[in-house]
Amino acid sequence: MDCFSCVRTARIGTLPPREVVGVDGHWRVAHAFDTSLPGWLVLVPRRHVTSVAELTDAEAAGLGPWLVGLSRALRAVTGCAKTYVVQLAEKEGFAHVHFHVVPRMPDLPPERRGPGVFGFLGLPEDRRVSDERQDALALALRAALGPA
């Protein structure tokens, strides 16, 4: 299996909090692993899907509530002004549909707003949000999301 999301989801019972911020029968939420922006989340279908058009009706019905719930939780936990939601799924090994749910902080410089926010991804490990910080955020976001 060469799909990053599928490999991770197959290990759902052993994943750290940062990789299971939230979960239900159709979706899993993880903190983005290669970002320097705390709270950058990724919403991933639990089954392999490469196009939004392939979502089942049940998966689609859960998408909106997840996006709204994650946006509210991010606002409560990070103090963000709003969230960006982006779905591309084009990078090699990451063609599995996934939605980036990105906190847009009130003090974010203009050059990092909108598409510029992607400048927070793909940074060297020493500039990324630490695993410990991701886990702490995941636990706080779980609490803000409330019971599944």
Protein backbone atom coordinates (compact mmCIF):
# COMPACT_ATOMS: atom_id res chain seq x y z
CA MET A 1 0.00 0.00 0.00
CA ASP A 2 1.65 3.26 -1.06
CA CYS A 3 -1.11 5.67 -0.03
CA PHE A 4 0.09 7.62 3.04
CA SER A 5 -3.46 8.19 4.34
CA CYS A 6 -4.48 4.54 3.96
CA VAL A 7 -1.34 3.30 5.69
CA ARG A 8 -1.98 5.63 8.63
CA THR A 9 -5.70 4.86 8.86
CA ALA A 10 -4.98 1.11 8.85
CA ARG A 11 -3.06 1.71 12.11
CA ILE A 12 -5.77 3.88 13.68
CA GLY A 13 -5.72 2.04 17.02
CA THR A 14 -2.00 2.71 17.51
CA LEU A 15 -1.72 6.27 16.25
CA PRO A 16 -0.73 9.17 18.53
CA PRO A 17 -3.29 11.89 19.33
CA ARG A 18 -1.97 14.18 16.55
CA GLU A 19 -3.09 11.62 13.98
CA VAL A 20 -6.54 11.04 15.46
CA VAL A 21 -7.73 14.51 16.44
CA GLY A 22 -11.20 13.21 15.64
CA VAL A 23 -12.67 10.13 14.02
CA ASP A 24 -15.97 8.59 13.03
CA GLY A 25 -17.01 5.75 10.73
CA HIS A 26 -16.13 7.73 7.61
CA TRP A 27 -13.53 10.38 8.50
CA ARG A 28 -10.27 10.83 10.40
CA VAL A 29 -8.71 14.16 11.36
CA ALA A 30 -4.95 14.59 11.78
CA HIS A 31 -2.64 17.49 12.45
CA ALA A 32 -0.54 18.16 9.34
CA PHE A 33 2.90 16.66 9.95
CA ASP A 34 5.06 19.04 7.92
CA THR A 35 3.77 22.44 8.95
CA SER A 36 5.07 25.27 11.08
CA LEU A 37 1.52 26.54 11.67
CA PRO A 38 -0.02 25.11 14.87
CA GLY A 39 -3.50 23.71 14.28
CA TRP A 40 -3.19 22.97 10.54
CA LEU A 41 -5.55 20.00 10.24
CA VAL A 42 -6.24 17.44 7.54
CA LEU A 43 -9.65 15.77 7.21
CA VAL A 44 -9.29 12.39 5.46
CA PRO A 45 -11.88 9.81 4.37
CA ARG A 46 -11.17 6.49 6.09
CA ARG A 47 -11.50 4.57 2.82
CA HIS A 48 -9.37 5.21 -0.24
CA VAL A 49 -10.96 7.91 -2.41
CA THR A 50 -9.15 9.97 -5.05
CA SER A 51 -11.96 12.33 -6.10
CA VAL A 52 -14.65 14.19 -4.18
CA ALA A 53 -17.13 12.76 -6.71
CA GLU A 54 -16.32 9.27 -5.34
CA LEU A 55 -17.57 10.07 -1.82
CA THR A 56 -20.57 8.02 -0.75
CA ASP A 57 -23.71 9.86 0.31
CA ALA A 58 -22.89 9.02 3.94
CA GLU A 59 -19.34 10.38 3.62
CA ALA A 60 -20.65 13.51 1.93
CA ALA A 61 -23.27 14.01 4.64
CA GLY A 62 -20.53 14.02 7.28
CA LEU A 63 -18.22 16.39 5.43
CA GLY A 64 -20.05 19.65 6.17
CA PRO A 65 -20.49 18.99 9.89
CA TRP A 66 -16.81 18.03 10.19
CA LEU A 67 -15.64 21.20 8.43
CA VAL A 68 -17.86 23.42 10.58
CA GLY A 69 -17.01 21.56 13.79
CA LEU A 70 -13.27 21.70 13.13
CA SER A 71 -13.47 25.40 12.27
CA ARG A 72 -15.30 26.11 15.54
CA ALA A 73 -12.85 24.00 17.53
CA LEU A 74 -9.87 25.74 15.92
CA ARG A 75 -11.37 29.13 16.75
CA ALA A 76 -11.90 28.08 20.38
CA VAL A 77 -8.43 26.53 20.80
CA THR A 78 -6.18 28.75 18.65
CA GLY A 79 -8.09 32.03 18.55
CA CYS A 80 -8.02 32.06 14.75
CA ALA A 81 -10.09 34.66 12.93
CA LYS A 82 -11.34 32.14 10.37
CA THR A 83 -10.31 28.91 8.70
CA TYR A 84 -9.28 28.14 5.16
CA VAL A 85 -10.54 24.89 3.62
CA VAL A 86 -8.59 23.52 0.65
CA GLN A 87 -8.80 20.22 -1.25
CA LEU A 88 -6.29 19.39 -3.98
CA ALA A 89 -4.93 15.81 -3.47
CA GLU A 90 -2.39 15.93 -6.31
CA LYS A 91 1.02 15.32 -4.71
CA GLU A 92 2.63 11.93 -5.39
CA GLY A 93 1.65 9.54 -2.57
CA PHE A 94 -1.07 11.93 -1.37
CA ALA A 95 -3.72 11.53 -4.09
CA HIS A 96 -6.14 10.29 -1.40
CA VAL A 97 -8.80 13.00 -1.01
CA HIS A 98 -8.04 15.20 1.99
CA PHE A 99 -9.25 18.59 3.11
CA HIS A 100 -6.82 21.04 4.68
CA VAL A 101 -8.53 22.98 7.48
CA VAL A 102 -6.13 25.81 8.22
CA PRO A 103 -6.44 28.35 11.03
CA ARG A 104 -5.98 31.89 9.74
CA MET A 105 -4.64 33.77 12.71
CA PRO A 106 -5.61 37.44 13.21
CA ASP A 107 -1.97 38.56 13.00
CA LEU A 108 -1.08 36.53 9.90
CA PRO A 109 1.01 38.76 7.59
CA PRO A 110 -0.67 39.67 4.29
CA GLU A 111 1.84 37.62 2.26
CA ARG A 112 0.81 34.47 4.16
CA ARG A 113 -2.93 34.97 3.69
CA GLY A 114 -4.90 33.07 1.05
CA PRO A 115 -2.66 30.82 -1.08
CA GLY A 116 0.41 32.22 0.71
CA VAL A 117 -0.53 30.06 3.69
CA PHE A 118 1.04 27.10 1.87
CA GLY A 119 4.41 28.65 2.71
CA PHE A 120 3.93 27.06 6.15
CA LEU A 121 4.10 23.52 4.64
CA GLY A 122 7.09 21.45 3.64
CA LEU A 123 9.54 23.16 5.97
CA PRO A 124 12.61 21.54 7.52
CA GLU A 125 11.87 19.48 10.61
CA ASP A 126 13.44 22.02 12.99
CA ARG A 127 10.86 24.63 11.88
CA ARG A 128 7.80 22.36 12.12
CA VAL A 129 5.31 22.19 14.96
CA SER A 130 6.78 19.59 17.32
CA ASP A 131 5.07 16.24 17.83
CA GLU A 132 4.50 17.17 21.47
CA ARG A 133 2.80 20.44 20.53
CA GLN A 134 0.70 18.66 17.88
CA ASP A 135 -0.42 16.10 20.48
CA ALA A 136 -1.34 18.85 22.97
CA LEU A 137 -3.33 20.68 20.29
CA ALA A 138 -5.03 17.44 19.27
CA LEU A 139 -6.20 16.80 22.82
CA ALA A 140 -7.46 20.38 23.21
CA LEU A 141 -9.28 20.16 19.87
CA ARG A 142 -10.85 16.82 20.83
CA ALA A 143 -12.22 18.44 23.97
CA ALA A 144 -13.55 21.40 21.95
CA LEU A 145 -15.19 19.06 19.43
CA GLY A 146 -17.08 17.28 22.20
CA PRO A 147 -18.48 13.76 22.04
CA ALA A 148 -18.58 12.12 18.61
